[in-house]
């Protein structure tokens, strides 16, 4: 199991013991507002989602990590990226994404985790480009992107559905 460490965090693969916290995070409608398409509605859906992440990691199609605090080893969030394209120059990770339990937000954990996973992507996983995106009004995610070094590449007005309306979306990359 691939494990990454930063000053305060461990990013590792999922374990069955993470299911309760994973479900709490993935089923929180307010916390997952911008990611409604992957929000779960039951423990069984969360189990399927977590098991899918484990299987895709094993197949090399993505790098999805459970974020834990070093002091407790309990899931506080998730970070990772898909690997849809492998070019002769290297992998293109698209998209990179992340989410965190509300009680652990605004403490710098997500920026720390994203930076560490980016370091791994470029220095160890042969990525040559990492792409991410968010809705224009998702300011906390844009702040993490900026702190992690992403640069805005596109502003796509009215390009994605959310809450029954087309909303503006921003795309970023490194």
C-alpha atoms as a PDB file:
ATOM      1  CA  UNK A   1       0.000   0.000   0.000  1.00  0.00           C
ATOM      2  CA  UNK A   2       1.443   3.341  -1.083  1.00  0.00           C
ATOM      3  CA  UNK A   3       1.881   5.741   1.844  1.00  0.00           C
ATOM      4  CA  UNK A   4       2.935   9.400   1.780  1.00  0.00           C
ATOM      5  CA  UNK A   5       3.789  11.559   4.773  1.00  0.00           C
ATOM      6  CA  UNK A   6       3.891  15.283   5.403  1.00  0.00           C
ATOM      7  CA  UNK A   7       4.521  17.215   8.601  1.00  0.00           C
ATOM      8  CA  UNK A   8       1.140  16.470  10.184  1.00  0.00           C
ATOM      9  CA  UNK A   9      -0.496  13.980   7.851  1.00  0.00           C
ATOM     10  CA  UNK A  10      -0.330  10.505   6.397  1.00  0.00           C
ATOM     11  CA  UNK A  11      -1.870   9.850   2.986  1.00  0.00           C
ATOM     12  CA  UNK A  12      -2.492   6.139   2.516  1.00  0.00           C
ATOM     13  CA  UNK A  13      -4.813   3.666   0.887  1.00  0.00           C
ATOM     14  CA  UNK A  14      -8.231   2.960   2.332  1.00  0.00           C
ATOM     15  CA  UNK A  15      -8.877   0.263   4.910  1.00  0.00           C
ATOM     16  CA  UNK A  16     -12.218  -1.268   5.855  1.00  0.00           C
ATOM     17  CA  UNK A  17     -11.797   0.404   9.264  1.00  0.00           C
ATOM     18  CA  UNK A  18     -12.116   3.789   7.460  1.00  0.00           C
ATOM     19  CA  UNK A  19     -15.677   3.081   6.333  1.00  0.00           C
ATOM     20  CA  UNK A  20     -17.563   4.933   9.096  1.00  0.00           C
ATOM     21  CA  UNK A  21     -15.550   8.148   8.632  1.00  0.00           C
ATOM     22  CA  UNK A  22     -15.574   7.752   4.838  1.00  0.00           C
ATOM     23  CA  UNK A  23     -19.361   7.443   4.891  1.00  0.00           C
ATOM     24  CA  UNK A  24     -19.683  10.442   7.201  1.00  0.00           C
ATOM     25  CA  UNK A  25     -17.644  12.514   4.730  1.00  0.00           C
ATOM     26  CA  UNK A  26     -19.188  11.223   1.500  1.00  0.00           C
ATOM     27  CA  UNK A  27     -22.823  11.385   2.667  1.00  0.00           C
ATOM     28  CA  UNK A  28     -22.706  14.915   4.114  1.00  0.00           C
ATOM     29  CA  UNK A  29     -24.858  16.806   1.570  1.00  0.00           C
ATOM     30  CA  UNK A  30     -23.643  20.242   2.683  1.00  0.00           C
ATOM     31  CA  UNK A  31     -19.964  19.271   2.690  1.00  0.00           C
ATOM     32  CA  UNK A  32     -20.259  17.505  -0.678  1.00  0.00           C
ATOM     33  CA  UNK A  33     -22.403  20.249  -2.243  1.00  0.00           C
ATOM     34  CA  UNK A  34     -20.074  20.825  -5.199  1.00  0.00           C
ATOM     35  CA  UNK A  35     -19.535  17.083  -5.683  1.00  0.00           C
ATOM     36  CA  UNK A  36     -23.162  15.966  -5.634  1.00  0.00           C
ATOM     37  CA  UNK A  37     -22.523  13.357  -8.345  1.00  0.00           C
ATOM     38  CA  UNK A  38     -20.307  11.300  -6.019  1.00  0.00           C
ATOM     39  CA  UNK A  39     -22.207  11.886  -2.763  1.00  0.00           C
ATOM     40  CA  UNK A  40     -23.354   8.626  -1.187  1.00  0.00           C
ATOM     41  CA  UNK A  41     -26.733   7.976   0.421  1.00  0.00           C
ATOM     42  CA  UNK A  42     -26.056   4.811   2.409  1.00  0.00           C
ATOM     43  CA  UNK A  43     -23.244   2.966   4.135  1.00  0.00           C
ATOM     44  CA  UNK A  44     -23.400   0.371   1.376  1.00  0.00           C
ATOM     45  CA  UNK A  45     -22.915   3.030  -1.331  1.00  0.00           C
ATOM     46  CA  UNK A  46     -19.962   4.408   0.640  1.00  0.00           C
ATOM     47  CA  UNK A  47     -18.488   0.904   0.912  1.00  0.00           C
ATOM     48  CA  UNK A  48     -18.851   0.441  -2.862  1.00  0.00           C
ATOM     49  CA  UNK A  49     -17.246   3.851  -3.498  1.00  0.00           C
ATOM     50  CA  UNK A  50     -14.334   3.100  -1.184  1.00  0.00           C
ATOM     51  CA  UNK A  51     -13.838  -0.384  -2.652  1.00  0.00           C
ATOM     52  CA  UNK A  52     -13.866   1.094  -6.154  1.00  0.00           C
ATOM     53  CA  UNK A  53     -11.080   3.497  -5.123  1.00  0.00           C
ATOM     54  CA  UNK A  54      -9.041   0.553  -3.812  1.00  0.00           C
ATOM     55  CA  UNK A  55      -9.581  -1.416  -7.049  1.00  0.00           C
ATOM     56  CA  UNK A  56      -8.725   1.533  -9.329  1.00  0.00           C
ATOM     57  CA  UNK A  57      -5.565   2.193  -7.303  1.00  0.00           C
ATOM     58  CA  UNK A  58      -4.556  -1.446  -7.700  1.00  0.00           C
ATOM     59  CA  UNK A  59      -5.095  -1.213 -11.474  1.00  0.00           C
ATOM     60  CA  UNK A  60      -2.935   1.940 -11.696  1.00  0.00           C
ATOM     61  CA  UNK A  61      -5.833   3.989 -13.091  1.00  0.00           C
ATOM     62  CA  UNK A  62      -5.679   6.503 -10.272  1.00  0.00           C
ATOM     63  CA  UNK A  63      -3.967   7.472  -7.050  1.00  0.00           C
ATOM     64  CA  UNK A  64      -6.579   7.964  -4.337  1.00  0.00           C
ATOM     65  CA  UNK A  65      -5.464   8.542  -0.795  1.00  0.00           C
ATOM     66  CA  UNK A  66      -7.170   8.591   2.565  1.00  0.00           C
ATOM     67  CA  UNK A  67      -5.886  11.586   4.559  1.00  0.00           C
ATOM     68  CA  UNK A  68      -5.230  10.887   8.242  1.00  0.00           C
ATOM     69  CA  UNK A  69      -3.671  12.811  11.081  1.00  0.00           C
ATOM     70  CA  UNK A  70      -0.388  11.240  12.177  1.00  0.00           C
ATOM     71  CA  UNK A  71      -1.520  11.315  15.790  1.00  0.00           C
ATOM     72  CA  UNK A  72      -4.744   9.347  15.277  1.00  0.00           C
ATOM     73  CA  UNK A  73      -4.635   7.497  11.919  1.00  0.00           C
ATOM     74  CA  UNK A  74      -8.359   8.305  11.480  1.00  0.00           C
ATOM     75  CA  UNK A  75      -9.672   9.430   8.119  1.00  0.00           C
ATOM     76  CA  UNK A  76     -10.177  13.193   7.959  1.00  0.00           C
ATOM     77  CA  UNK A  77     -10.334  13.578   4.181  1.00  0.00           C
ATOM     78  CA  UNK A  78      -9.382  12.285   0.773  1.00  0.00           C
ATOM     79  CA  UNK A  79      -7.146  13.452  -2.061  1.00  0.00           C
ATOM     80  CA  UNK A  80      -6.152  11.949  -5.353  1.00  0.00           C
ATOM     81  CA  UNK A  81      -6.075  12.017  -9.099  1.00  0.00           C
ATOM     82  CA  UNK A  82      -7.170   9.979 -12.082  1.00  0.00           C
ATOM     83  CA  UNK A  83      -4.695   8.858 -14.765  1.00  0.00           C
ATOM     84  CA  UNK A  84      -6.694   8.854 -18.019  1.00  0.00           C
ATOM     85  CA  UNK A  85      -3.757   9.551 -20.347  1.00  0.00           C
ATOM     86  CA  UNK A  86      -0.218   8.211 -20.513  1.00  0.00           C
ATOM     87  CA  UNK A  87       1.895   9.914 -23.150  1.00  0.00           C
ATOM     88  CA  UNK A  88       5.477   9.124 -24.194  1.00  0.00           C
ATOM     89  CA  UNK A  89       6.502  12.091 -22.010  1.00  0.00           C
ATOM     90  CA  UNK A  90       4.598  10.834 -18.945  1.00  0.00           C
ATOM     91  CA  UNK A  91       1.211  10.692 -17.239  1.00  0.00           C
ATOM     92  CA  UNK A  92      -1.450  13.375 -17.341  1.00  0.00           C
ATOM     93  CA  UNK A  93      -3.439  13.410 -14.111  1.00  0.00           C
ATOM     94  CA  UNK A  94      -6.961  14.667 -14.732  1.00  0.00           C
ATOM     95  CA  UNK A  95      -8.761  15.475 -12.578  1.00  0.00           C
ATOM     96  CA  UNK A  96      -7.141  15.902  -9.202  1.00  0.00           C
ATOM     97  CA  UNK A  97      -9.692  16.250  -6.434  1.00  0.00           C
ATOM     98  CA  UNK A  98     -10.075  16.444  -2.686  1.00  0.00           C
ATOM     99  CA  UNK A  99     -12.561  16.758   0.152  1.00  0.00           C
ATOM    100  CA  UNK A 100     -12.395  16.857   3.931  1.00  0.00           C
ATOM    101  CA  UNK A 101     -14.631  16.363   6.932  1.00  0.00           C
ATOM    102  CA  UNK A 102     -15.948  19.790   8.059  1.00  0.00           C
ATOM    103  CA  UNK A 103     -14.406  19.615  11.536  1.00  0.00           C
ATOM    104  CA  UNK A 104     -10.927  19.423   9.981  1.00  0.00           C
ATOM    105  CA  UNK A 105     -11.329  22.237   7.463  1.00  0.00           C
ATOM    106  CA  UNK A 106      -9.580  25.632   7.726  1.00  0.00           C
ATOM    107  CA  UNK A 107      -6.498  24.199   9.452  1.00  0.00           C
ATOM    108  CA  UNK A 108      -4.219  23.963   6.416  1.00  0.00           C
ATOM    109  CA  UNK A 109      -4.509  20.182   6.206  1.00  0.00           C
ATOM    110  CA  UNK A 110      -5.863  20.103   2.678  1.00  0.00           C
ATOM    111  CA  UNK A 111      -3.174  22.378   1.253  1.00  0.00           C
ATOM    112  CA  UNK A 112      -0.542  20.243   3.008  1.00  0.00           C
ATOM    113  CA  UNK A 113      -2.020  17.041   1.583  1.00  0.00           C
ATOM    114  CA  UNK A 114      -2.423  18.407  -1.953  1.00  0.00           C
ATOM    115  CA  UNK A 115       1.162  19.696  -2.009  1.00  0.00           C
ATOM    116  CA  UNK A 116       2.501  16.331  -0.838  1.00  0.00           C
ATOM    117  CA  UNK A 117       0.473  14.383  -3.403  1.00  0.00           C
ATOM    118  CA  UNK A 118       1.613  16.777  -6.148  1.00  0.00           C
ATOM    119  CA  UNK A 119       5.218  16.228  -5.068  1.00  0.00           C
ATOM    120  CA  UNK A 120       4.666  12.481  -5.393  1.00  0.00           C
ATOM    121  CA  UNK A 121       2.895  12.856  -8.759  1.00  0.00           C
ATOM    122  CA  UNK A 122       5.718  14.805 -10.370  1.00  0.00           C
ATOM    123  CA  UNK A 123       8.771  13.297  -8.676  1.00  0.00           C
ATOM    124  CA  UNK A 124       7.760   9.648  -8.303  1.00  0.00           C
ATOM    125  CA  UNK A 125       4.708   8.859 -10.434  1.00  0.00           C
ATOM    126  CA  UNK A 126       5.978  10.264 -13.771  1.00  0.00           C
ATOM    127  CA  UNK A 127       3.227  12.877 -14.114  1.00  0.00           C
ATOM    128  CA  UNK A 128       3.981  15.720 -16.487  1.00  0.00           C
ATOM    129  CA  UNK A 129       0.716  17.606 -15.961  1.00  0.00           C
ATOM    130  CA  UNK A 130      -1.968  17.709 -13.252  1.00  0.00           C
ATOM    131  CA  UNK A 131      -5.376  19.238 -13.975  1.00  0.00           C
ATOM    132  CA  UNK A 132      -8.174  20.195 -11.590  1.00  0.00           C
ATOM    133  CA  UNK A 133     -11.355  22.268 -11.705  1.00  0.00           C
ATOM    134  CA  UNK A 134     -14.039  23.752  -9.498  1.00  0.00           C
ATOM    135  CA  UNK A 135     -17.184  25.804  -9.651  1.00  0.00           C
ATOM    136  CA  UNK A 136     -16.431  29.523  -9.761  1.00  0.00           C
ATOM    137  CA  UNK A 137     -18.167  30.171  -6.439  1.00  0.00           C
ATOM    138  CA  UNK A 138     -16.182  27.456  -4.604  1.00  0.00           C
ATOM    139  CA  UNK A 139     -13.717  29.900  -3.054  1.00  0.00           C
ATOM    140  CA  UNK A 140     -12.185  27.514  -0.444  1.00  0.00           C
ATOM    141  CA  UNK A 141     -11.135  25.095  -3.203  1.00  0.00           C
ATOM    142  CA  UNK A 142      -9.705  27.937  -5.281  1.00  0.00           C
ATOM    143  CA  UNK A 143      -7.614  28.991  -2.272  1.00  0.00           C
ATOM    144  CA  UNK A 144      -6.170  25.472  -1.928  1.00  0.00           C
ATOM    145  CA  UNK A 145      -5.421  25.452  -5.660  1.00  0.00           C
ATOM    146  CA  UNK A 146      -3.563  28.764  -5.460  1.00  0.00           C
ATOM    147  CA  UNK A 147      -1.561  27.749  -2.374  1.00  0.00           C
ATOM    148  CA  UNK A 148      -0.611  24.447  -4.022  1.00  0.00           C
ATOM    149  CA  UNK A 149       0.676  26.207  -7.148  1.00  0.00           C
ATOM    150  CA  UNK A 150      -2.118  25.588  -9.655  1.00  0.00           C
ATOM    151  CA  UNK A 151      -2.677  28.275 -12.301  1.00  0.00           C
ATOM    152  CA  UNK A 152      -6.038  29.092 -13.833  1.00  0.00           C
ATOM    153  CA  UNK A 153      -6.211  28.036 -17.481  1.00  0.00           C
ATOM    154  CA  UNK A 154      -9.881  28.434 -18.333  1.00  0.00           C
ATOM    155  CA  UNK A 155     -13.047  30.175 -17.207  1.00  0.00           C
ATOM    156  CA  UNK A 156     -15.993  28.254 -18.622  1.00  0.00           C
ATOM    157  CA  UNK A 157     -19.244  30.180 -18.137  1.00  0.00           C
ATOM    158  CA  UNK A 158     -22.416  28.156 -17.689  1.00  0.00           C
ATOM    159  CA  UNK A 159     -20.646  24.857 -18.357  1.00  0.00           C
ATOM    160  CA  UNK A 160     -21.817  22.463 -15.591  1.00  0.00           C
ATOM    161  CA  UNK A 161     -25.077  21.653 -13.873  1.00  0.00           C
ATOM    162  CA  UNK A 162     -25.464  22.255 -10.143  1.00  0.00           C
ATOM    163  CA  UNK A 163     -28.730  22.703  -8.282  1.00  0.00           C
ATOM    164  CA  UNK A 164     -30.750  22.600 -11.486  1.00  0.00           C
ATOM    165  CA  UNK A 165     -28.879  25.364 -13.272  1.00  0.00           C
ATOM    166  CA  UNK A 166     -25.815  25.789 -15.440  1.00  0.00           C
ATOM    167  CA  UNK A 167     -22.955  27.240 -13.405  1.00  0.00           C
ATOM    168  CA  UNK A 168     -19.573  28.742 -14.184  1.00  0.00           C
ATOM    169  CA  UNK A 169     -16.557  26.461 -13.844  1.00  0.00           C
ATOM    170  CA  UNK A 170     -12.845  27.208 -13.601  1.00  0.00           C
ATOM    171  CA  UNK A 171     -10.050  24.922 -14.759  1.00  0.00           C
ATOM    172  CA  UNK A 172      -6.538  24.901 -13.290  1.00  0.00           C
ATOM    173  CA  UNK A 173      -3.336  22.995 -13.987  1.00  0.00           C
ATOM    174  CA  UNK A 174       0.308  22.571 -13.108  1.00  0.00           C
END
